Amino acid sequence: MHFKRLVVIMRTMDLNRVAIFVRVVDDGGFSAAARTLRLPKSSVSRAVALLEEQLGARLLQRSTRRVRLTEAGTAFYERASRGLAGVEEAAAAVADLQGSLRGPIRVTAPVDAGVWVLAPLVARFVALHPGVHIDAVLTGRVVDLVAEGFDFALRAAPLRDSALVARKLARVESALYAAPAYLARRGTPTRVTDLQAHDCVLFRPDRGRATWTLLGPAGEESVEVTGPAGADDFSYVQRLVLAGTGIGLLPAFLCQEAVVGGGLLRLLPGHAGLGGSFHLVYPSARYLPHQAAAFRDFILAALG
């Protein structure tokens, strides 16, 4: 590019257009970027078109569903995104000097983990940082974090999207629980195989059946169980177990309060379910807003 023309471009370039272009690339399209930026899609498209006009080069190949970088777009994005990241980090450093965190954070989690794990942590975080607003969406659906504008997700399922970062949290302990009323009516199992003769409340059953695998002194033991009810939400299963419907294999964090209060008893205490781990998941962006980075570190410290 001719030197004089380059000087003119640098003097007149609108950095807002550059930021919009980077957001379009990061979010994978104009519609997603418009939602993130809270701008009309037409304004986002116009900003990128004006940037291309000023640079004299096509940066994006448009299609009905996604956009793809051209060779010139790739070169511009790699350098522009690094420059914007530096500006954002500089702004975060200034915020550090002001001594307070401000801004929104959006997080999603399954209902049970949101109620029993996330809510107490959010309460502690916003008490420490009253300038932060945390909006939580509790759902069993796997949310597209980038397309729907979320900063974080709390997930137990394996990570499938390579565009996301997953930080492993504490392992989820699970165990067998039942209400005293149920045990008085049906008796207390003393071996894993005894569960076959009991009513069990099942998580995500297959036609009223499930296979439970427990780790005990003799190693892993599996048993096929049946029951009168099941659900895809552990909070629902816990309420049925608490009501005396049957035995449940449940995360310990859901049952601690009921055990202390006498509403539930832990069965076969030498055995535990093969639970997985929660993960804190977030887009693999080059930079997190300062309040989001602080929330990430807070969660990792509390649950890591």
Protein backbone atom coordinates (compact mmCIF):
# COMPACT_ATOMS: atom_id res chain seq x y z
CA MET A 1 0.00 0.00 0.00
CA HIS A 2 1.32 3.45 -0.92
CA PHE A 3 2.76 5.26 2.12
CA LYS A 4 0.76 8.47 1.70
CA ARG A 5 -2.50 6.56 1.33
CA LEU A 6 -1.64 4.52 4.42
CA VAL A 7 -1.13 7.71 6.44
CA VAL A 8 -4.54 9.02 5.29
CA ILE A 9 -6.25 5.76 6.23
CA MET A 10 -4.68 5.69 9.69
CA ARG A 11 -5.74 9.29 10.35
CA THR A 12 -9.35 8.75 9.31
CA MET A 13 -9.99 5.16 10.35
CA ASP A 14 -12.95 4.73 12.70
CA LEU A 15 -11.89 2.31 15.44
CA ASN A 16 -15.55 1.54 16.17
CA ARG A 17 -15.79 -0.03 12.70
CA VAL A 18 -12.67 -2.07 13.40
CA ALA A 19 -14.14 -3.28 16.70
CA ILE A 20 -17.40 -4.23 14.97
CA PHE A 21 -15.50 -6.16 12.29
CA VAL A 22 -13.56 -8.10 14.97
CA ARG A 23 -16.81 -8.86 16.80
CA VAL A 24 -18.40 -10.19 13.59
CA VAL A 25 -15.47 -12.57 13.13
CA ASP A 26 -15.43 -13.65 16.79
CA ASP A 27 -19.19 -14.28 16.89
CA GLY A 28 -19.29 -15.98 13.49
CA GLY A 29 -21.75 -13.68 11.75
CA PHE A 30 -23.53 -10.34 11.53
CA SER A 31 -26.65 -11.42 13.44
CA ALA A 32 -24.70 -12.79 16.40
CA ALA A 33 -22.48 -9.71 16.50
CA ALA A 34 -25.52 -7.45 16.38
CA ARG A 35 -26.99 -9.26 19.41
CA THR A 36 -23.73 -8.97 21.33
CA LEU A 37 -23.29 -5.29 20.50
CA ARG A 38 -27.02 -4.54 20.85
CA LEU A 39 -27.07 -2.83 17.47
CA PRO A 40 -29.30 -3.31 14.42
CA LYS A 41 -27.88 -5.89 12.04
CA SER A 42 -27.98 -3.30 9.26
CA SER A 43 -25.70 -1.00 11.29
CA VAL A 44 -23.18 -3.79 11.82
CA SER A 45 -23.20 -4.70 8.13
CA ARG A 46 -22.85 -1.05 7.12
CA ALA A 47 -19.87 -0.52 9.47
CA VAL A 48 -17.99 -3.46 7.97
CA ALA A 49 -18.82 -2.35 4.43
CA LEU A 50 -17.48 1.17 5.15
CA LEU A 51 -14.30 -0.33 6.64
CA GLU A 52 -13.80 -2.46 3.52
CA GLU A 53 -14.39 0.58 1.35
CA GLN A 54 -11.83 2.59 3.25
CA LEU A 55 -9.24 -0.19 3.11
CA GLY A 56 -9.99 -0.91 -0.53
CA ALA A 57 -10.19 -4.64 0.11
CA ARG A 58 -12.84 -7.29 0.70
CA LEU A 59 -12.44 -8.59 4.27
CA LEU A 60 -15.35 -11.03 4.48
CA GLN A 61 -17.08 -13.47 2.15
CA ARG A 62 -20.78 -13.32 3.03
CA SER A 63 -23.21 -16.24 2.91
CA THR A 64 -26.74 -16.73 4.17
CA ARG A 65 -25.58 -18.43 7.38
CA ARG A 66 -21.97 -17.51 8.16
CA VAL A 67 -19.14 -15.27 7.10
CA ARG A 68 -15.66 -16.34 6.07
CA LEU A 69 -12.47 -14.29 6.14
CA THR A 70 -10.71 -13.50 2.90
CA GLU A 71 -6.94 -13.57 2.77
CA ALA A 72 -6.88 -9.81 3.33
CA GLY A 73 -9.47 -10.18 6.10
CA THR A 74 -7.37 -12.78 7.89
CA ALA A 75 -4.31 -10.56 7.84
CA PHE A 76 -6.29 -7.54 9.05
CA TYR A 77 -8.14 -9.49 11.76
CA GLU A 78 -4.99 -11.02 13.26
CA ARG A 79 -3.41 -7.62 13.77
CA ALA A 80 -6.54 -5.62 14.60
CA SER A 81 -7.74 -8.10 17.23
CA ARG A 82 -4.38 -7.94 18.99
CA GLY A 83 -4.52 -4.16 18.97
CA LEU A 84 -8.05 -4.07 20.40
CA ALA A 85 -7.09 -6.59 23.06
CA GLY A 86 -4.31 -4.26 24.13
CA VAL A 87 -6.77 -1.37 24.43
CA GLU A 88 -9.18 -3.51 26.48
CA GLU A 89 -6.41 -4.67 28.78
CA ALA A 90 -5.31 -1.06 29.26
CA ALA A 91 -8.87 -0.10 30.19
CA ALA A 92 -9.01 -3.02 32.63
CA ALA A 93 -5.78 -1.82 34.22
CA VAL A 94 -7.38 1.59 34.77
CA ALA A 95 -10.41 -0.13 36.32
CA ASP A 96 -8.04 -1.95 38.66
CA LEU A 97 -6.66 1.38 39.83
CA GLN A 98 -10.18 2.59 40.55
CA GLY A 99 -10.54 -0.34 42.95
CA SER A 100 -13.98 -1.61 41.92
CA LEU A 101 -15.54 -4.03 39.48
CA ARG A 102 -18.49 -3.00 37.33
CA GLY A 103 -20.51 -4.43 34.48
CA PRO A 104 -22.71 -7.37 33.55
CA ILE A 105 -21.94 -11.10 33.58
CA ARG A 106 -24.16 -13.71 31.92
CA VAL A 107 -23.94 -17.32 33.04
CA THR A 108 -25.96 -20.46 32.36
CA ALA A 109 -26.19 -23.71 34.32
CA PRO A 110 -28.46 -26.74 34.81
CA VAL A 111 -31.30 -26.01 37.20
CA ASP A 112 -30.02 -28.16 40.08
CA ALA A 113 -26.42 -26.94 39.85
CA GLY A 114 -27.65 -23.38 39.47
CA VAL A 115 -29.85 -23.51 42.57
CA TRP A 116 -27.58 -25.48 44.88
CA VAL A 117 -24.06 -24.61 43.68
CA LEU A 118 -24.09 -21.40 41.66
CA ALA A 119 -26.59 -19.30 43.63
CA PRO A 120 -24.63 -19.23 46.92
CA LEU A 121 -21.46 -18.27 45.04
CA VAL A 122 -23.22 -15.51 43.10
CA ALA A 123 -24.60 -14.15 46.39
CA ARG A 124 -21.08 -13.96 47.82
CA PHE A 125 -19.59 -12.40 44.67
CA VAL A 126 -22.14 -9.60 44.27
CA ALA A 127 -21.87 -8.83 47.99
CA LEU A 128 -18.13 -8.28 47.44
CA HIS A 129 -18.66 -6.37 44.17
CA PRO A 130 -21.99 -4.48 44.22
CA GLY A 131 -21.20 -2.82 40.89
CA VAL A 132 -21.46 -6.18 39.08
CA HIS A 133 -24.77 -7.56 37.81
CA ILE A 134 -24.93 -11.34 37.23
CA ASP A 135 -27.73 -12.66 35.03
CA ALA A 136 -28.16 -16.46 35.28
CA VAL A 137 -30.21 -18.61 32.91
CA LEU A 138 -30.94 -22.07 34.35
CA THR A 139 -31.73 -24.68 31.73
CA GLY A 140 -30.98 -28.27 30.80
CA ARG A 141 -30.37 -27.15 27.22
CA VAL A 142 -26.78 -26.92 25.94
CA VAL A 143 -26.52 -23.20 25.30
CA ASP A 144 -24.44 -21.76 22.44
CA LEU A 145 -22.39 -19.33 24.54
CA VAL A 146 -21.12 -17.20 21.66
CA ALA A 147 -24.34 -16.96 19.64
CA GLU A 148 -26.47 -16.23 22.73
CA GLY A 149 -24.07 -13.83 24.39
CA PHE A 150 -23.08 -15.76 27.53
CA ASP A 151 -19.82 -15.30 29.39
CA PHE A 152 -19.82 -18.65 31.23
CA ALA A 153 -21.56 -21.98 31.59
CA LEU A 154 -21.44 -24.47 34.44
CA ARG A 155 -21.53 -27.92 32.83
CA ALA A 156 -21.07 -31.55 33.78
CA ALA A 157 -21.20 -32.97 30.25
CA PRO A 158 -18.02 -33.45 28.17
CA LEU A 159 -16.90 -30.45 26.12
CA ARG A 160 -17.49 -30.85 22.39
CA ASP A 161 -16.88 -27.34 21.05
CA SER A 162 -13.19 -26.64 20.45
CA ALA A 163 -13.94 -22.90 20.44
CA LEU A 164 -14.57 -23.08 24.19
CA VAL A 165 -12.29 -23.34 27.20
CA ALA A 166 -13.27 -25.75 30.01
CA ARG A 167 -11.74 -25.39 33.47
CA LYS A 168 -12.27 -28.46 35.62
CA LEU A 169 -13.91 -27.90 38.99
CA ALA A 170 -14.49 -30.18 41.97
CA ARG A 171 -15.60 -33.74 41.37
CA VAL A 172 -19.31 -34.30 41.97
CA GLU A 173 -19.79 -36.95 44.66
CA SER A 174 -22.99 -38.99 44.38
CA ALA A 175 -24.46 -41.58 46.74
CA LEU A 176 -27.63 -43.52 47.57
CA TYR A 177 -30.32 -41.79 49.61
CA ALA A 178 -33.81 -42.61 50.88
CA ALA A 179 -36.37 -41.13 53.25
CA PRO A 180 -36.90 -42.79 56.66
CA ALA A 181 -40.57 -43.37 55.76
CA TYR A 182 -39.62 -45.39 52.68
CA LEU A 183 -37.10 -47.49 54.62
CA ALA A 184 -39.65 -48.18 57.35
CA ARG A 185 -42.03 -49.45 54.68
CA ARG A 186 -39.64 -51.41 52.47
CA GLY A 187 -36.56 -52.14 54.56
CA THR A 188 -32.95 -50.99 54.20
CA PRO A 189 -30.70 -52.51 51.50
CA THR A 190 -27.42 -53.91 52.82
CA ARG A 191 -25.86 -54.92 49.47
CA VAL A 192 -25.82 -53.39 46.01
CA THR A 193 -27.79 -56.33 44.60
CA ASP A 194 -30.61 -55.61 47.09
CA LEU A 195 -31.47 -52.51 45.06
CA GLN A 196 -33.08 -54.71 42.39
CA ALA A 197 -35.95 -55.42 44.80
CA HIS A 198 -36.53 -51.75 45.67
CA ASP A 199 -38.40 -48.84 44.12
CA CYS A 200 -35.85 -46.40 42.73
CA VAL A 201 -36.35 -42.86 41.51
CA LEU A 202 -34.38 -42.66 38.27
CA PHE A 203 -32.45 -39.90 36.55
CA ARG A 204 -33.01 -40.04 32.78
CA PRO A 205 -34.46 -43.56 32.79
CA ASP A 206 -34.81 -45.78 29.75
CA ARG A 207 -38.40 -47.09 29.81
CA GLY A 208 -38.51 -47.14 33.58
CA ARG A 209 -35.08 -48.75 33.97
CA ALA A 210 -31.53 -47.63 34.63
CA THR A 211 -28.13 -49.13 35.40
CA TRP A 212 -26.39 -47.80 38.48
CA THR A 213 -22.64 -48.33 38.89
CA LEU A 214 -21.22 -47.89 42.38
CA LEU A 215 -17.67 -47.97 43.65
CA GLY A 216 -17.19 -49.86 46.90
CA PRO A 217 -14.59 -51.81 48.87
CA ALA A 218 -14.70 -54.63 46.28
CA GLY A 219 -14.44 -52.30 43.30
CA GLU A 220 -17.15 -51.36 40.83
CA GLU A 221 -20.56 -53.00 41.06
CA SER A 222 -23.39 -52.45 38.59
CA VAL A 223 -27.05 -53.18 39.15
CA GLU A 224 -30.15 -52.70 37.01
CA VAL A 225 -32.86 -50.85 38.91
CA THR A 226 -36.47 -49.94 38.21
CA GLY A 227 -38.90 -47.52 39.74
CA PRO A 228 -42.21 -45.72 39.53
CA ALA A 229 -40.84 -42.31 38.50
CA GLY A 230 -37.93 -40.56 36.88
CA ALA A 231 -36.86 -37.20 35.46
CA ASP A 232 -34.06 -35.38 33.69
CA ASP A 233 -33.56 -32.99 36.61
CA PHE A 234 -31.83 -34.01 39.84
CA SER A 235 -33.79 -31.49 41.94
CA TYR A 236 -37.02 -33.17 40.89
CA VAL A 237 -35.59 -36.62 41.67
CA GLN A 238 -34.45 -35.40 45.09
CA ARG A 239 -37.93 -34.12 45.94
CA LEU A 240 -39.47 -37.48 45.08
CA VAL A 241 -36.90 -39.32 47.19
CA LEU A 242 -37.55 -36.90 50.05
CA ALA A 243 -41.28 -37.66 49.71
CA GLY A 244 -40.64 -41.39 50.21
CA THR A 245 -41.20 -42.49 46.61
CA GLY A 246 -38.05 -44.61 46.49
CA ILE A 247 -34.25 -44.74 46.62
CA GLY A 248 -32.23 -42.23 44.60
CA LEU A 249 -28.65 -42.05 43.36
CA LEU A 250 -28.08 -38.34 43.84
CA PRO A 251 -25.32 -35.71 43.99
CA ALA A 252 -24.30 -35.24 47.60
CA PHE A 253 -24.61 -31.45 47.40
CA LEU A 254 -28.35 -31.85 46.80
CA CYS A 255 -28.84 -33.99 49.90
CA GLN A 256 -26.56 -32.55 52.59
CA GLU A 257 -29.18 -30.26 54.11
CA ALA A 258 -31.85 -32.99 54.16
CA VAL A 259 -29.44 -35.48 55.76
CA VAL A 260 -28.58 -33.00 58.53
CA GLY A 261 -32.29 -32.35 59.09
CA GLY A 262 -33.18 -36.05 59.16
CA GLY A 263 -35.28 -36.00 56.02
CA LEU A 264 -32.90 -38.31 54.14
CA LEU A 265 -30.54 -41.11 55.10
CA ARG A 266 -27.47 -42.16 53.17
CA LEU A 267 -27.50 -45.85 52.26
CA LEU A 268 -24.55 -48.22 51.77
CA PRO A 269 -22.11 -45.57 53.05
CA GLY A 270 -19.13 -47.58 51.80
CA HIS A 271 -20.34 -47.11 48.21
CA ALA A 272 -20.43 -44.02 46.01
CA GLY A 273 -21.59 -43.30 42.49
CA LEU A 274 -19.09 -42.76 39.72
CA GLY A 275 -19.81 -39.06 39.44
CA GLY A 276 -18.10 -36.73 37.02
CA SER A 277 -16.79 -33.21 37.47
CA PHE A 278 -18.31 -29.82 36.84
CA HIS A 279 -16.54 -27.57 34.37
CA LEU A 280 -16.57 -23.80 34.08
CA VAL A 281 -16.85 -23.19 30.34
CA TYR A 282 -16.29 -19.95 28.47
CA PRO A 283 -15.46 -18.81 24.91
CA SER A 284 -11.78 -18.98 24.05
CA ALA A 285 -11.61 -15.25 23.46
CA ARG A 286 -8.27 -13.50 23.65
CA TYR A 287 -9.61 -11.26 26.43
CA LEU A 288 -12.25 -11.45 29.17
CA PRO A 289 -13.85 -8.29 30.55
CA HIS A 290 -12.34 -7.50 33.93
CA GLN A 291 -15.46 -8.35 35.93
CA ALA A 292 -15.79 -11.67 34.06
CA ALA A 293 -12.16 -12.60 34.70
CA ALA A 294 -12.63 -11.85 38.39
CA PHE A 295 -15.78 -14.00 38.51
CA ARG A 296 -13.91 -16.85 36.75
CA ASP A 297 -11.11 -16.71 39.31
CA PHE A 298 -13.63 -16.58 42.16
CA ILE A 299 -15.46 -19.71 40.94
CA LEU A 300 -12.20 -21.58 40.37
CA ALA A 301 -11.03 -20.72 43.89
CA ALA A 302 -14.34 -21.78 45.43
CA LEU A 303 -14.89 -25.00 43.49
CA GLY A 304 -11.47 -25.91 42.15
